[in-house]
Amino acid sequence: INCEEEITTYPHEGEEFIYVLEGTLTLFINHQQIDLFPGDSAHYSSAIPHNWANYTNKIVKLLVVGNPNPFKEG
């Protein structure tokens, strides 16, 4: 596990909601690093530069809802 790794944040169109089901997720947003635990959630404009990482040696399971759908073709 490399906690020194540089995480690049990025903006894009829309908004996101994330909900942590299992593990510890590190969210990078608004020049902050926030650890989220099972039951924690975050909702934010995707226009704010953001990203997340798993700095643990355990699996992180999360639910992500984004609008618009970045995986939709066309």
PDB file of N, CA and C in Angstrom:
ATOM      1  N   ILE A   1       0.854  -1.168   0.000  1.00  0.00           N
ATOM      2  CA  ILE A   1       0.000   0.000   0.000  1.00  0.00           C
ATOM      3  C   ILE A   1       0.898   1.229   0.000  1.00  0.00           C
ATOM      4  N   ASN A   2       0.683   2.111  -0.952  1.00  0.00           N
ATOM      5  CA  ASN A   2       1.495   3.307  -1.057  1.00  0.00           C
ATOM      6  C   ASN A   2       0.655   4.524  -0.727  1.00  0.00           C
ATOM      7  N   CYS A   3       0.700   4.984   0.519  1.00  0.00           N
ATOM      8  CA  CYS A   3      -0.080   6.150   0.937  1.00  0.00           C
ATOM      9  C   CYS A   3       0.532   7.444   0.443  1.00  0.00           C
ATOM     10  N   GLU A   4       1.713   7.362  -0.141  1.00  0.00           N
ATOM     11  CA  GLU A   4       2.368   8.553  -0.678  1.00  0.00           C
ATOM     12  C   GLU A   4       1.978   8.792  -2.137  1.00  0.00           C
ATOM     13  N   GLU A   5       1.232   7.870  -2.716  1.00  0.00           N
ATOM     14  CA  GLU A   5       0.843   7.994  -4.109  1.00  0.00           C
ATOM     15  C   GLU A   5       0.041   9.272  -4.327  1.00  0.00           C
ATOM     16  N   GLU A   6       0.367  10.000  -5.389  1.00  0.00           N
ATOM     17  CA  GLU A   6      -0.346  11.225  -5.725  1.00  0.00           C
ATOM     18  C   GLU A   6      -1.670  10.863  -6.388  1.00  0.00           C
ATOM     19  N   ILE A   7      -2.757  11.315  -5.815  1.00  0.00           N
ATOM     20  CA  ILE A   7      -4.087  11.075  -6.376  1.00  0.00           C
ATOM     21  C   ILE A   7      -4.489  12.317  -7.154  1.00  0.00           C
ATOM     22  N   THR A   8      -4.803  12.147  -8.416  1.00  0.00           N
ATOM     23  CA  THR A   8      -5.223  13.242  -9.268  1.00  0.00           C
ATOM     24  C   THR A   8      -6.733  13.403  -9.172  1.00  0.00           C
ATOM     25  N   THR A   9      -7.174  14.592  -8.808  1.00  0.00           N
ATOM     26  CA  THR A   9      -8.608  14.870  -8.779  1.00  0.00           C
ATOM     27  C   THR A   9      -9.012  15.452 -10.127  1.00  0.00           C
ATOM     28  N   TYR A  10     -10.274  15.288 -10.471  1.00  0.00           N
ATOM     29  CA  TYR A  10     -10.746  15.790 -11.763  1.00  0.00           C
ATOM     30  C   TYR A  10     -12.226  16.147 -11.670  1.00  0.00           C
ATOM     31  N   PRO A  11     -12.632  17.174 -12.406  1.00  0.00           N
ATOM     32  CA  PRO A  11     -14.047  17.531 -12.474  1.00  0.00           C
ATOM     33  C   PRO A  11     -14.674  16.932 -13.733  1.00  0.00           C
ATOM     34  N   HIS A  12     -15.971  16.809 -13.725  1.00  0.00           N
ATOM     35  CA  HIS A  12     -16.715  16.446 -14.925  1.00  0.00           C
ATOM     36  C   HIS A  12     -18.159  16.865 -14.733  1.00  0.00           C
ATOM     37  N   GLU A  13     -18.941  16.735 -15.746  1.00  0.00           N
ATOM     38  CA  GLU A  13     -20.336  17.151 -15.709  1.00  0.00           C
ATOM     39  C   GLU A  13     -21.141  16.314 -14.722  1.00  0.00           C
ATOM     40  N   GLY A  14     -22.138  16.920 -14.091  1.00  0.00           N
ATOM     41  CA  GLY A  14     -23.105  16.160 -13.307  1.00  0.00           C
ATOM     42  C   GLY A  14     -22.929  16.249 -11.809  1.00  0.00           C
ATOM     43  N   GLU A  15     -23.424  15.198 -11.138  1.00  0.00           N
ATOM     44  CA  GLU A  15     -23.319  15.083  -9.689  1.00  0.00           C
ATOM     45  C   GLU A  15     -23.141  13.620  -9.326  1.00  0.00           C
ATOM     46  N   GLU A  16     -22.644  13.366  -8.122  1.00  0.00           N
ATOM     47  CA  GLU A  16     -22.389  11.999  -7.668  1.00  0.00           C
ATOM     48  C   GLU A  16     -22.867  11.800  -6.240  1.00  0.00           C
ATOM     49  N   PHE A  17     -23.275  10.578  -5.966  1.00  0.00           N
ATOM     50  CA  PHE A  17     -23.597  10.135  -4.614  1.00  0.00           C
ATOM     51  C   PHE A  17     -22.825   8.850  -4.402  1.00  0.00           C
ATOM     52  N   ILE A  18     -22.083   8.761  -3.311  1.00  0.00           N
ATOM     53  CA  ILE A  18     -21.390   7.517  -2.982  1.00  0.00           C
ATOM     54  C   ILE A  18     -21.797   7.088  -1.573  1.00  0.00           C
ATOM     55  N   TYR A  19     -21.910   5.777  -1.391  1.00  0.00           N
ATOM     56  CA  TYR A  19     -22.289   5.187  -0.112  1.00  0.00           C
ATOM     57  C   TYR A  19     -21.354   4.012   0.144  1.00  0.00           C
ATOM     58  N   VAL A  20     -20.652   4.026   1.258  1.00  0.00           N
ATOM     59  CA  VAL A  20     -19.686   2.979   1.577  1.00  0.00           C
ATOM     60  C   VAL A  20     -20.407   1.808   2.250  1.00  0.00           C
ATOM     61  N   LEU A  21     -20.304   0.645   1.627  1.00  0.00           N
ATOM     62  CA  LEU A  21     -20.908  -0.583   2.143  1.00  0.00           C
ATOM     63  C   LEU A  21     -19.947  -1.349   3.050  1.00  0.00           C
ATOM     64  N   GLU A  22     -18.668  -1.338   2.675  1.00  0.00           N
ATOM     65  CA  GLU A  22     -17.661  -2.129   3.397  1.00  0.00           C
ATOM     66  C   GLU A  22     -16.302  -1.489   3.213  1.00  0.00           C
ATOM     67  N   GLY A  23     -15.486  -1.509   4.257  1.00  0.00           N
ATOM     68  CA  GLY A  23     -14.122  -1.005   4.158  1.00  0.00           C
ATOM     69  C   GLY A  23     -14.021   0.487   4.438  1.00  0.00           C
ATOM     70  N   THR A  24     -12.837   1.034   4.148  1.00  0.00           N
ATOM     71  CA  THR A  24     -12.564   2.454   4.349  1.00  0.00           C
ATOM     72  C   THR A  24     -12.165   3.065   3.024  1.00  0.00           C
ATOM     73  N   LEU A  25     -12.953   4.044   2.577  1.00  0.00           N
ATOM     74  CA  LEU A  25     -12.697   4.735   1.314  1.00  0.00           C
ATOM     75  C   LEU A  25     -12.171   6.122   1.635  1.00  0.00           C
ATOM     76  N   THR A  26     -11.099   6.529   0.965  1.00  0.00           N
ATOM     77  CA  THR A  26     -10.570   7.874   1.140  1.00  0.00           C
ATOM     78  C   THR A  26     -11.044   8.725  -0.023  1.00  0.00           C
ATOM     79  N   LEU A  27     -11.818   9.767   0.287  1.00  0.00           N
ATOM     80  CA  LEU A  27     -12.364  10.686  -0.702  1.00  0.00           C
ATOM     81  C   LEU A  27     -11.500  11.933  -0.743  1.00  0.00           C
ATOM     82  N   PHE A  28     -11.141  12.348  -1.946  1.00  0.00           N
ATOM     83  CA  PHE A  28     -10.403  13.588  -2.151  1.00  0.00           C
ATOM     84  C   PHE A  28     -11.348  14.577  -2.814  1.00  0.00           C
ATOM     85  N   ILE A  29     -11.656  15.680  -2.127  1.00  0.00           N
ATOM     86  CA  ILE A  29     -12.570  16.689  -2.650  1.00  0.00           C
ATOM     87  C   ILE A  29     -12.306  18.012  -1.940  1.00  0.00           C
ATOM     88  N   ASN A  30     -12.418  19.112  -2.675  1.00  0.00           N
ATOM     89  CA  ASN A  30     -12.204  20.452  -2.085  1.00  0.00           C
ATOM     90  C   ASN A  30     -10.858  20.557  -1.376  1.00  0.00           C
ATOM     91  N   HIS A  31      -9.830  19.982  -1.952  1.00  0.00           N
ATOM     92  CA  HIS A  31      -8.475  20.003  -1.384  1.00  0.00           C
ATOM     93  C   HIS A  31      -8.426  19.355   0.000  1.00  0.00           C
ATOM     94  N   GLN A  32      -9.356  18.437   0.269  1.00  0.00           N
ATOM     95  CA  GLN A  32      -9.390  17.705   1.527  1.00  0.00           C
ATOM     96  C   GLN A  32      -9.293  16.208   1.262  1.00  0.00           C
ATOM     97  N   GLN A  33      -8.832  15.496   2.258  1.00  0.00           N
ATOM     98  CA  GLN A  33      -8.775  14.038   2.229  1.00  0.00           C
ATOM     99  C   GLN A  33      -9.657  13.549   3.377  1.00  0.00           C
ATOM    100  N   ILE A  34     -10.751  12.849   3.041  1.00  0.00           N
ATOM    101  CA  ILE A  34     -11.745  12.455   4.030  1.00  0.00           C
ATOM    102  C   ILE A  34     -11.908  10.939   4.010  1.00  0.00           C
ATOM    103  N   ASP A  35     -11.750  10.283   5.151  1.00  0.00           N
ATOM    104  CA  ASP A  35     -11.981   8.844   5.243  1.00  0.00           C
ATOM    105  C   ASP A  35     -13.461   8.584   5.482  1.00  0.00           C
ATOM    106  N   LEU A  36     -14.042   7.716   4.663  1.00  0.00           N
ATOM    107  CA  LEU A  36     -15.438   7.327   4.794  1.00  0.00           C
ATOM    108  C   LEU A  36     -15.496   5.859   5.199  1.00  0.00           C
ATOM    109  N   PHE A  37     -16.369   5.535   6.138  1.00  0.00           N
ATOM    110  CA  PHE A  37     -16.494   4.195   6.698  1.00  0.00           C
ATOM    111  C   PHE A  37     -17.861   3.619   6.358  1.00  0.00           C
ATOM    112  N   PRO A  38     -18.081   2.320   6.581  1.00  0.00           N
ATOM    113  CA  PRO A  38     -19.382   1.724   6.259  1.00  0.00           C
ATOM    114  C   PRO A  38     -20.536   2.537   6.858  1.00  0.00           C
ATOM    115  N   GLY A  39     -21.506   2.850   6.006  1.00  0.00           N
ATOM    116  CA  GLY A  39     -22.643   3.664   6.409  1.00  0.00           C
ATOM    117  C   GLY A  39     -22.474   5.141   6.097  1.00  0.00           C
ATOM    118  N   ASP A  40     -21.236   5.567   5.788  1.00  0.00           N
ATOM    119  CA  ASP A  40     -21.000   6.964   5.425  1.00  0.00           C
ATOM    120  C   ASP A  40     -21.356   7.181   3.959  1.00  0.00           C
ATOM    121  N   SER A  41     -21.738   8.417   3.647  1.00  0.00           N
ATOM    122  CA  SER A  41     -22.062   8.757   2.263  1.00  0.00           C
ATOM    123  C   SER A  41     -21.575  10.161   1.960  1.00  0.00           C
ATOM    124  N   ALA A  42     -21.538  10.475   0.666  1.00  0.00           N
ATOM    125  CA  ALA A  42     -21.190  11.816   0.211  1.00  0.00           C
ATOM    126  C   ALA A  42     -21.984  12.100  -1.052  1.00  0.00           C
ATOM    127  N   HIS A  43     -22.439  13.320  -1.175  1.00  0.00           N
ATOM    128  CA  HIS A  43     -23.164  13.775  -2.364  1.00  0.00           C
ATOM    129  C   HIS A  43     -22.552  15.111  -2.751  1.00  0.00           C
ATOM    130  N   TYR A  44     -22.133  15.228  -4.021  1.00  0.00           N
ATOM    131  CA  TYR A  44     -21.435  16.441  -4.425  1.00  0.00           C
ATOM    132  C   TYR A  44     -21.599  16.677  -5.914  1.00  0.00           C
ATOM    133  N   SER A  45     -21.384  17.924  -6.304  1.00  0.00           N
ATOM    134  CA  SER A  45     -21.357  18.284  -7.724  1.00  0.00           C
ATOM    135  C   SER A  45     -20.081  17.709  -8.317  1.00  0.00           C
ATOM    136  N   SER A  46     -20.212  17.030  -9.442  1.00  0.00           N
ATOM    137  CA  SER A  46     -19.036  16.460 -10.099  1.00  0.00           C
ATOM    138  C   SER A  46     -18.145  17.538 -10.691  1.00  0.00           C
ATOM    139  N   ALA A  47     -18.641  18.787 -10.731  1.00  0.00           N
ATOM    140  CA  ALA A  47     -17.830  19.905 -11.217  1.00  0.00           C
ATOM    141  C   ALA A  47     -16.713  20.245 -10.237  1.00  0.00           C
ATOM    142  N   ILE A  48     -16.843  19.785  -8.979  1.00  0.00           N
ATOM    143  CA  ILE A  48     -15.785  19.973  -7.986  1.00  0.00           C
ATOM    144  C   ILE A  48     -14.740  18.884  -8.225  1.00  0.00           C
ATOM    145  N   PRO A  49     -13.461  19.253  -8.419  1.00  0.00           N
ATOM    146  CA  PRO A  49     -12.438  18.218  -8.620  1.00  0.00           C
ATOM    147  C   PRO A  49     -12.470  17.203  -7.470  1.00  0.00           C
ATOM    148  N   HIS A  50     -12.484  15.909  -7.831  1.00  0.00           N
ATOM    149  CA  HIS A  50     -12.639  14.853  -6.825  1.00  0.00           C
ATOM    150  C   HIS A  50     -12.023  13.551  -7.333  1.00  0.00           C
ATOM    151  N   ASN A  51     -11.841  12.619  -6.430  1.00  0.00           N
ATOM    152  CA  ASN A  51     -11.403  11.260  -6.738  1.00  0.00           C
ATOM    153  C   ASN A  51     -11.459  10.486  -5.424  1.00  0.00           C
ATOM    154  N   TRP A  52     -11.214   9.190  -5.464  1.00  0.00           N
ATOM    155  CA  TRP A  52     -11.142   8.408  -4.239  1.00  0.00           C
ATOM    156  C   TRP A  52     -10.121   7.306  -4.390  1.00  0.00           C
ATOM    157  N   ALA A  53      -9.738   6.727  -3.240  1.00  0.00           N
ATOM    158  CA  ALA A  53      -8.717   5.675  -3.224  1.00  0.00           C
ATOM    159  C   ALA A  53      -8.970   4.742  -2.052  1.00  0.00           C
ATOM    160  N   ASN A  54      -8.391   3.549  -2.149  1.00  0.00           N
ATOM    161  CA  ASN A  54      -8.398   2.578  -1.063  1.00  0.00           C
ATOM    162  C   ASN A  54      -6.965   2.465  -0.568  1.00  0.00           C
ATOM    163  N   TYR A  55      -6.683   3.008   0.608  1.00  0.00           N
ATOM    164  CA  TYR A  55      -5.342   2.964   1.176  1.00  0.00           C
ATOM    165  C   TYR A  55      -5.189   1.822   2.180  1.00  0.00           C
ATOM    166  N   THR A  56      -6.136   0.889   2.190  1.00  0.00           N
ATOM    167  CA  THR A  56      -6.059  -0.239   3.113  1.00  0.00           C
ATOM    168  C   THR A  56      -5.717  -1.508   2.340  1.00  0.00           C
ATOM    169  N   ASN A  57      -5.505  -2.592   3.064  1.00  0.00           N
ATOM    170  CA  ASN A  57      -5.270  -3.882   2.416  1.00  0.00           C
ATOM    171  C   ASN A  57      -6.545  -4.720   2.422  1.00  0.00           C
ATOM    172  N   LYS A  58      -7.690  -4.066   2.634  1.00  0.00           N
ATOM    173  CA  LYS A  58      -8.982  -4.745   2.630  1.00  0.00           C
ATOM    174  C   LYS A  58      -9.843  -4.231   1.487  1.00  0.00           C
ATOM    175  N   ILE A  59     -10.804  -5.031   1.086  1.00  0.00           N
ATOM    176  CA  ILE A  59     -11.711  -4.657   0.013  1.00  0.00           C
ATOM    177  C   ILE A  59     -12.603  -3.507   0.461  1.00  0.00           C
ATOM    178  N   VAL A  60     -12.839  -2.579  -0.456  1.00  0.00           N
ATOM    179  CA  VAL A  60     -13.819  -1.522  -0.238  1.00  0.00           C
ATOM    180  C   VAL A  60     -14.961  -1.767  -1.217  1.00  0.00           C
ATOM    181  N   LYS A  61     -16.178  -1.803  -0.691  1.00  0.00           N
ATOM    182  CA  LYS A  61     -17.367  -1.931  -1.531  1.00  0.00           C
ATOM    183  C   LYS A  61     -18.172  -0.655  -1.360  1.00  0.00           C
ATOM    184  N   LEU A  62     -18.571  -0.061  -2.486  1.00  0.00           N
ATOM    185  CA  LEU A  62     -19.334   1.158  -2.411  1.00  0.00           C
ATOM    186  C   LEU A  62     -20.378   1.199  -3.521  1.00  0.00           C
ATOM    187  N   LEU A  63     -21.403   1.948  -3.266  1.00  0.00           N
ATOM    188  CA  LEU A  63     -22.460   2.198  -4.226  1.00  0.00           C
ATOM    189  C   LEU A  63     -22.219   3.598  -4.763  1.00  0.00           C
ATOM    190  N   VAL A  64     -22.194   3.728  -6.092  1.00  0.00           N
ATOM    191  CA  VAL A  64     -21.982   5.027  -6.727  1.00  0.00           C
ATOM    192  C   VAL A  64     -23.151   5.306  -7.651  1.00  0.00           C
ATOM    193  N   VAL A  65     -23.758   6.469  -7.485  1.00  0.00           N
ATOM    194  CA  VAL A  65     -24.822   6.911  -8.383  1.00  0.00           C
ATOM    195  C   VAL A  65     -24.361   8.216  -8.993  1.00  0.00           C
ATOM    196  N   GLY A  66     -24.312   8.251 -10.320  1.00  0.00           N
ATOM    197  CA  GLY A  66     -23.881   9.451 -11.014  1.00  0.00           C
ATOM    198  C   GLY A  66     -24.916   9.919 -12.017  1.00  0.00           C
ATOM    199  N   ASN A  67     -25.001  11.218 -12.179  1.00  0.00           N
ATOM    200  CA  ASN A  67     -25.905  11.803 -13.151  1.00  0.00           C
ATOM    201  C   ASN A  67     -25.159  12.914 -13.871  1.00  0.00           C
ATOM    202  N   PRO A  68     -25.046  12.922 -15.178  1.00  0.00           N
ATOM    203  CA  PRO A  68     -25.542  11.876 -16.066  1.00  0.00           C
ATOM    204  C   PRO A  68     -24.669  10.633 -15.986  1.00  0.00           C
ATOM    205  N   ASN A  69     -25.170   9.544 -16.535  1.00  0.00           N
ATOM    206  CA  ASN A  69     -24.455   8.263 -16.520  1.00  0.00           C
ATOM    207  C   ASN A  69     -23.217   8.363 -17.391  1.00  0.00           C
ATOM    208  N   PRO A  70     -22.004   8.276 -16.809  1.00  0.00           N
ATOM    209  CA  PRO A  70     -20.780   8.414 -17.603  1.00  0.00           C
ATOM    210  C   PRO A  70     -20.520   7.198 -18.503  1.00  0.00           C
ATOM    211  N   PHE A  71     -21.245   6.103 -18.294  1.00  0.00           N
ATOM    212  CA  PHE A  71     -21.020   4.890 -19.073  1.00  0.00           C
ATOM    213  C   PHE A  71     -22.000   4.734 -20.234  1.00  0.00           C
ATOM    214  N   LYS A  72     -22.959   5.640 -20.321  1.00  0.00           N
ATOM    215  CA  LYS A  72     -23.957   5.574 -21.397  1.00  0.00           C
ATOM    216  C   LYS A  72     -23.327   5.991 -22.711  1.00  0.00           C
ATOM    217  N   GLU A  73     -23.517   5.197 -23.727  1.00  0.00           N
ATOM    218  CA  GLU A  73     -22.970   5.522 -25.042  1.00  0.00           C
ATOM    219  C   GLU A  73     -23.900   6.484 -25.759  1.00  0.00           C
ATOM    220  N   GLY A  74     -23.283   7.328 -26.609  1.00  0.00           N
ATOM    221  CA  GLY A  74     -24.084   8.240 -27.434  1.00  0.00           C
ATOM    222  C   GLY A  74     -24.269   9.482 -26.760  1.00  0.00           C
TER     223      GLY A  74
END
